[in-house]
N, C-alpha and C. Protein backbone atom coordinates (compact mmCIF):
# COMPACT_ATOMS: atom_id res chain seq x y z
N UNK A 1 1.14 -1.05 0.00
CA UNK A 1 0.05 0.14 0.10
C UNK A 1 0.92 1.01 -0.53
N UNK A 2 0.23 2.16 -0.33
CA UNK A 2 1.49 3.32 -1.12
C UNK A 2 0.64 4.76 -0.26
N UNK A 3 1.23 5.59 -0.31
CA UNK A 3 0.50 6.64 0.23
C UNK A 3 -0.10 6.74 1.61
N UNK A 4 -0.10 8.31 2.36
CA UNK A 4 -0.57 8.23 3.53
C UNK A 4 -2.46 7.86 3.28
N UNK A 5 -2.74 7.34 4.37
CA UNK A 5 -3.84 6.29 4.92
C UNK A 5 -4.61 7.77 4.72
N UNK A 6 -5.72 7.20 3.64
CA UNK A 6 -6.76 8.20 2.77
C UNK A 6 -6.12 9.11 2.36
N UNK A 7 -4.97 9.07 1.49
CA UNK A 7 -5.32 9.69 0.54
C UNK A 7 -5.40 9.53 -1.11
N UNK A 8 -6.03 10.35 -1.64
CA UNK A 8 -6.73 10.00 -2.86
C UNK A 8 -5.68 10.13 -4.37
N UNK A 9 -5.39 9.26 -5.12
CA UNK A 9 -4.72 9.21 -6.14
C UNK A 9 -5.36 9.57 -7.19
N UNK A 10 -5.08 10.67 -8.06
CA UNK A 10 -5.66 10.68 -9.42
C UNK A 10 -5.55 10.21 -11.00
N UNK A 11 -5.78 9.96 -11.65
CA UNK A 11 -5.68 9.52 -13.17
C UNK A 11 -5.19 10.57 -14.04
N UNK A 12 -4.01 10.23 -14.92
CA UNK A 12 -3.21 11.32 -15.73
C UNK A 12 -4.56 11.61 -16.40
N UNK A 13 -5.98 11.32 -16.60
CA UNK A 13 -7.09 11.50 -17.24
C UNK A 13 -7.44 12.93 -16.29
N UNK A 14 -7.31 12.57 -15.42
CA UNK A 14 -8.47 13.20 -14.68
C UNK A 14 -7.61 14.53 -14.31
N UNK A 15 -6.05 14.56 -14.07
CA UNK A 15 -5.50 15.42 -14.02
C UNK A 15 -5.05 16.43 -15.10
N UNK A 16 -5.39 15.95 -16.48
CA UNK A 16 -5.44 16.26 -17.61
C UNK A 16 -7.08 17.45 -17.76
N UNK A 17 -8.01 16.86 -17.41
CA UNK A 17 -9.02 17.18 -17.81
C UNK A 17 -9.24 19.10 -16.14
N UNK A 18 -8.38 18.65 -15.30
CA UNK A 18 -8.66 19.56 -14.81
C UNK A 18 -7.28 20.47 -15.36
N UNK A 19 -6.51 20.18 -15.91
CA UNK A 19 -5.39 21.45 -16.60
C UNK A 19 -6.32 22.11 -17.61
N UNK A 20 -7.23 21.76 -18.53
CA UNK A 20 -7.66 22.23 -19.62
C UNK A 20 -8.83 22.87 -19.01
N UNK A 21 -9.29 22.33 -17.99
CA UNK A 21 -10.89 22.98 -17.03
C UNK A 21 -10.19 24.87 -16.78
N UNK A 22 -9.15 24.34 -16.58
CA UNK A 22 -8.15 26.07 -15.78
C UNK A 22 -7.81 26.53 -16.91
N UNK A 23 -6.59 26.12 -17.81
CA UNK A 23 -6.29 27.04 -18.73
C UNK A 23 -7.18 26.98 -19.94
N UNK A 24 -8.30 26.09 -20.45
CA UNK A 24 -9.09 26.74 -21.81
C UNK A 24 -9.52 27.21 -21.20
N UNK A 25 -11.08 26.70 -20.19
CA UNK A 25 -11.96 27.42 -19.82
C UNK A 25 -12.02 28.31 -18.59
N UNK A 26 -10.50 28.77 -18.22
CA UNK A 26 -10.82 29.53 -17.17
C UNK A 26 -11.70 29.40 -15.86
N UNK A 27 -11.83 28.40 -15.42
CA UNK A 27 -12.79 27.94 -14.10
C UNK A 27 -11.59 27.96 -12.95
N UNK A 28 -12.77 28.33 -11.97
CA UNK A 28 -11.19 28.56 -10.84
C UNK A 28 -10.97 26.91 -9.95
N UNK A 29 -10.21 27.06 -9.41
CA UNK A 29 -9.75 25.59 -8.85
C UNK A 29 -10.94 25.05 -8.55
N UNK A 30 -11.45 25.76 -7.04
CA UNK A 30 -12.90 25.31 -6.24
C UNK A 30 -14.10 24.63 -7.24
N UNK A 31 -14.07 25.38 -8.14
CA UNK A 31 -15.02 25.13 -9.58
C UNK A 31 -14.73 23.88 -10.24
N UNK A 32 -13.36 23.37 -10.25
CA UNK A 32 -12.89 22.64 -10.92
C UNK A 32 -13.04 21.41 -9.48
N UNK A 33 -12.36 21.69 -8.97
CA UNK A 33 -12.61 19.95 -8.02
C UNK A 33 -13.78 20.05 -7.32
N UNK A 34 -14.97 20.86 -7.59
CA UNK A 34 -16.00 20.46 -7.08
C UNK A 34 -16.48 19.46 -8.66
N UNK A 35 -16.46 19.86 -9.83
CA UNK A 35 -16.76 19.73 -10.93
C UNK A 35 -16.14 18.31 -11.10
N UNK A 36 -14.85 17.65 -11.07
CA UNK A 36 -14.55 16.30 -10.87
C UNK A 36 -13.74 15.75 -9.58
N UNK A 37 -14.69 16.04 -8.92
CA UNK A 37 -14.61 15.53 -7.25
C UNK A 37 -13.48 14.99 -6.95
N UNK A 38 -12.63 16.15 -7.01
CA UNK A 38 -11.07 16.15 -6.11
C UNK A 38 -11.26 16.76 -4.77
N UNK A 39 -10.89 16.18 -3.77
CA UNK A 39 -10.73 16.96 -2.51
C UNK A 39 -10.76 18.04 -2.07
N UNK A 40 -9.09 17.83 -2.44
CA UNK A 40 -8.38 19.46 -2.11
C UNK A 40 -8.19 20.42 -3.86
N UNK A 41 -8.65 20.89 -3.50
CA UNK A 41 -8.53 22.48 -4.49
C UNK A 41 -7.18 22.44 -5.19
N UNK A 42 -6.25 22.20 -4.15
CA UNK A 42 -4.94 22.96 -4.47
C UNK A 42 -3.86 22.46 -4.82
N UNK A 43 -4.40 20.62 -5.57
CA UNK A 43 -3.76 19.67 -6.37
C UNK A 43 -3.87 20.62 -7.47
N UNK A 44 -4.90 21.39 -7.75
CA UNK A 44 -4.62 21.04 -9.54
C UNK A 44 -4.01 22.78 -10.03
N UNK A 45 -3.70 23.19 -8.98
CA UNK A 45 -2.08 23.79 -9.02
C UNK A 45 -1.12 23.11 -9.31
N UNK A 46 -0.90 22.69 -8.35
CA UNK A 46 0.67 21.75 -8.63
C UNK A 46 0.10 21.14 -9.92
N UNK A 47 -0.93 20.35 -10.19
CA UNK A 47 -0.76 19.68 -11.32
C UNK A 47 -0.71 20.51 -12.66
N UNK A 48 -1.24 22.04 -12.71
CA UNK A 48 -0.79 23.08 -13.77
C UNK A 48 0.52 23.40 -13.97
N UNK A 49 1.25 23.72 -12.74
CA UNK A 49 2.63 24.06 -12.63
C UNK A 49 3.40 22.95 -13.64
N UNK A 50 3.07 21.76 -13.03
CA UNK A 50 3.84 20.46 -13.54
C UNK A 50 3.80 20.56 -14.56
N UNK A 51 2.45 20.55 -15.33
CA UNK A 51 2.17 21.12 -16.59
C UNK A 51 2.60 22.02 -17.64
N UNK A 52 2.86 22.98 -17.14
CA UNK A 52 3.89 23.82 -17.82
C UNK A 52 4.55 24.00 -17.72
N UNK A 53 5.34 23.38 -17.19
CA UNK A 53 7.10 23.24 -16.94
C UNK A 53 7.58 22.12 -17.60
N UNK A 54 6.52 20.87 -17.33
CA UNK A 54 7.01 19.28 -17.85
C UNK A 54 5.89 19.47 -19.31
N UNK A 55 5.20 19.80 -19.33
CA UNK A 55 4.16 19.35 -20.75
C UNK A 55 3.41 17.87 -20.24
N UNK A 56 2.98 17.17 -20.57
CA UNK A 56 2.28 16.23 -20.63
C UNK A 56 3.05 15.38 -19.77
N UNK A 57 4.01 15.03 -19.81
CA UNK A 57 4.75 14.42 -18.56
C UNK A 57 4.89 14.80 -17.14
N UNK A 58 4.22 16.07 -17.34
CA UNK A 58 4.34 16.80 -15.90
C UNK A 58 3.00 15.84 -14.88
N UNK A 59 2.31 15.51 -15.59
CA UNK A 59 0.95 14.83 -15.16
C UNK A 59 0.93 13.30 -14.59
N UNK A 60 2.41 13.01 -15.18
CA UNK A 60 2.21 10.98 -15.24
C UNK A 60 4.09 11.12 -14.29
N UNK A 61 4.28 11.38 -13.69
CA UNK A 61 5.22 11.40 -12.39
C UNK A 61 5.73 10.33 -11.51
N UNK A 62 6.28 10.00 -10.80
CA UNK A 62 6.01 9.16 -9.94
C UNK A 62 5.85 9.70 -8.76
N UNK A 63 4.80 9.75 -7.93
CA UNK A 63 4.25 9.85 -6.33
C UNK A 63 5.20 9.39 -5.33
N UNK A 64 5.50 9.97 -4.19
CA UNK A 64 6.36 9.20 -3.35
C UNK A 64 7.77 9.79 -2.78
N UNK A 65 8.35 8.90 -2.05
CA UNK A 65 9.63 9.73 -1.77
C UNK A 65 10.83 8.73 -3.02
N UNK A 66 11.89 9.74 -2.74
CA UNK A 66 12.69 9.57 -3.97
C UNK A 66 13.90 8.55 -2.98
N UNK A 67 14.04 7.74 -3.92
CA UNK A 67 15.18 6.77 -3.34
C UNK A 67 16.72 7.45 -3.68
N UNK A 68 17.10 8.39 -2.75
CA UNK A 68 18.76 8.39 -3.69
C UNK A 68 19.76 7.56 -3.19
N UNK A 69 20.38 7.74 -4.32
CA UNK A 69 21.71 6.97 -4.09
C UNK A 69 22.61 7.45 -3.18
N UNK A 70 23.22 6.38 -3.03
CA UNK A 70 24.47 7.44 -1.52
C UNK A 70 25.86 7.32 -2.76
N UNK A 71 26.02 9.09 -3.30
CA UNK A 71 27.11 8.71 -3.46
C UNK A 71 28.50 7.89 -3.26
N UNK A 72 29.23 7.99 -4.13
CA UNK A 72 30.49 6.89 -3.91
C UNK A 72 31.46 7.38 -2.83
N UNK A 73 31.99 8.14 -2.24
CA UNK A 73 32.47 8.36 -1.37
C UNK A 73 31.38 8.16 -0.02
N UNK A 74 31.17 8.82 0.22
CA UNK A 74 29.76 8.36 1.21
C UNK A 74 30.11 6.63 1.71
N UNK A 75 29.41 6.25 0.64
CA UNK A 75 29.51 4.52 0.30
C UNK A 75 30.70 3.50 0.71
N UNK A 76 32.06 4.45 0.82
CA UNK A 76 33.22 3.99 0.50
C UNK A 76 33.51 4.12 1.87
N UNK A 77 32.98 5.26 2.48
CA UNK A 77 34.06 5.35 4.00
C UNK A 77 33.05 4.32 5.25
N UNK A 78 31.81 4.62 5.24
CA UNK A 78 30.64 3.55 5.59
C UNK A 78 31.01 1.91 5.43
N UNK A 79 31.84 1.72 4.05
CA UNK A 79 32.11 -0.17 3.92
C UNK A 79 33.27 -0.12 4.92
N UNK A 80 34.19 1.07 4.89
CA UNK A 80 35.36 1.41 5.54
C UNK A 80 34.97 0.73 7.07
N UNK A 81 34.61 1.95 7.68
CA UNK A 81 33.74 2.19 8.78
C UNK A 81 33.50 0.57 9.20
N UNK A 82 33.22 0.22 8.44
CA UNK A 82 32.04 -1.23 8.85
C UNK A 82 33.04 -2.24 8.75
N UNK A 83 34.31 -1.97 7.98
CA UNK A 83 35.54 -3.58 7.74
C UNK A 83 36.17 -3.55 9.13
N UNK A 84 36.39 -2.32 9.28
CA UNK A 84 37.18 -1.79 11.00
C UNK A 84 36.29 -2.90 12.25
N UNK A 85 35.12 -2.17 12.16
CA UNK A 85 34.21 -2.69 12.95
C UNK A 85 34.77 -4.38 13.12
N UNK A 86 34.30 -4.98 11.92
CA UNK A 86 34.21 -6.75 11.65
C UNK A 86 35.48 -7.15 11.84
N UNK A 87 37.03 -5.99 11.69
CA UNK A 87 37.94 -6.75 11.93
C UNK A 87 38.26 -7.09 13.43
N UNK A 88 37.46 -5.77 14.44
CA UNK A 88 37.91 -5.56 15.66
C UNK A 88 37.17 -6.91 16.39
N UNK A 89 35.77 -6.80 15.94
CA UNK A 89 34.47 -7.83 16.44
C UNK A 89 35.55 -9.41 16.17
N UNK A 90 36.26 -9.54 14.45
CA UNK A 90 36.68 -11.11 14.10
C UNK A 90 38.15 -10.97 15.63
N UNK A 91 38.79 -10.19 15.59
CA UNK A 91 40.13 -9.88 16.77
C UNK A 91 39.39 -10.47 18.76
N UNK A 92 38.32 -9.96 18.97
CA UNK A 92 37.81 -10.38 19.84
C UNK A 92 37.80 -11.49 19.56
N UNK A 93 36.82 -12.02 19.11
CA UNK A 93 36.33 -13.46 18.97
C UNK A 93 37.23 -14.81 19.34
N UNK A 94 38.84 -14.59 18.70
CA UNK A 94 40.19 -14.89 18.31
C UNK A 94 40.39 -15.30 19.65
N UNK A 95 40.45 -13.30 20.52
CA UNK A 95 40.88 -13.85 21.90
C UNK A 95 40.10 -14.56 22.87
N UNK A 96 38.85 -14.34 22.89
CA UNK A 96 38.11 -15.35 23.17
C UNK A 96 38.33 -16.54 23.31
N UNK A 97 38.45 -17.16 21.86
CA UNK A 97 38.49 -18.53 21.54
C UNK A 97 39.61 -18.99 22.30
N UNK A 98 41.10 -18.62 22.32
CA UNK A 98 42.29 -18.60 22.51
C UNK A 98 42.32 -19.19 24.19
N UNK A 99 41.50 -18.27 24.61
CA UNK A 99 41.64 -18.12 26.74
C UNK A 99 40.90 -18.97 26.38
N UNK A 100 39.43 -19.39 26.07
CA UNK A 100 38.94 -19.96 26.84
C UNK A 100 39.76 -21.76 27.26
N UNK A 101 39.58 -22.60 28.16
CA UNK A 101 40.24 -23.88 28.46
C UNK A 101 39.47 -24.63 27.58
N UNK A 102 39.82 -26.03 27.21
CA UNK A 102 39.32 -26.58 26.13
C UNK A 102 38.64 -27.90 27.57
N UNK A 103 37.63 -28.19 26.96
CA UNK A 103 36.84 -29.36 28.14
C UNK A 103 36.66 -30.59 27.11
N UNK A 104 37.45 -31.34 28.04
CA UNK A 104 36.94 -32.53 27.30
C UNK A 104 37.04 -33.69 28.44
């Protein structure tokens, strides 16, 4: 399940129609929201802005958090830290196993 509980996702057709009504017929956001059954009229402003900036593709953008890939320097630093930690852990295990008396 994606999004926040109770959030509404609208199809590209609804978004396209809302943009057309705003730009072509000069309807207000509340009027468009009422006509198309959109909960929040403010969303139409976002769709119009995206349409003006990116055209039709602006209405098809994936929603949700963007997963950024860590930059290479941060990744290397993290791996080096992890490697050092594992070396210390391994050394402690070796020390413990040597000092443990053999029971037979």
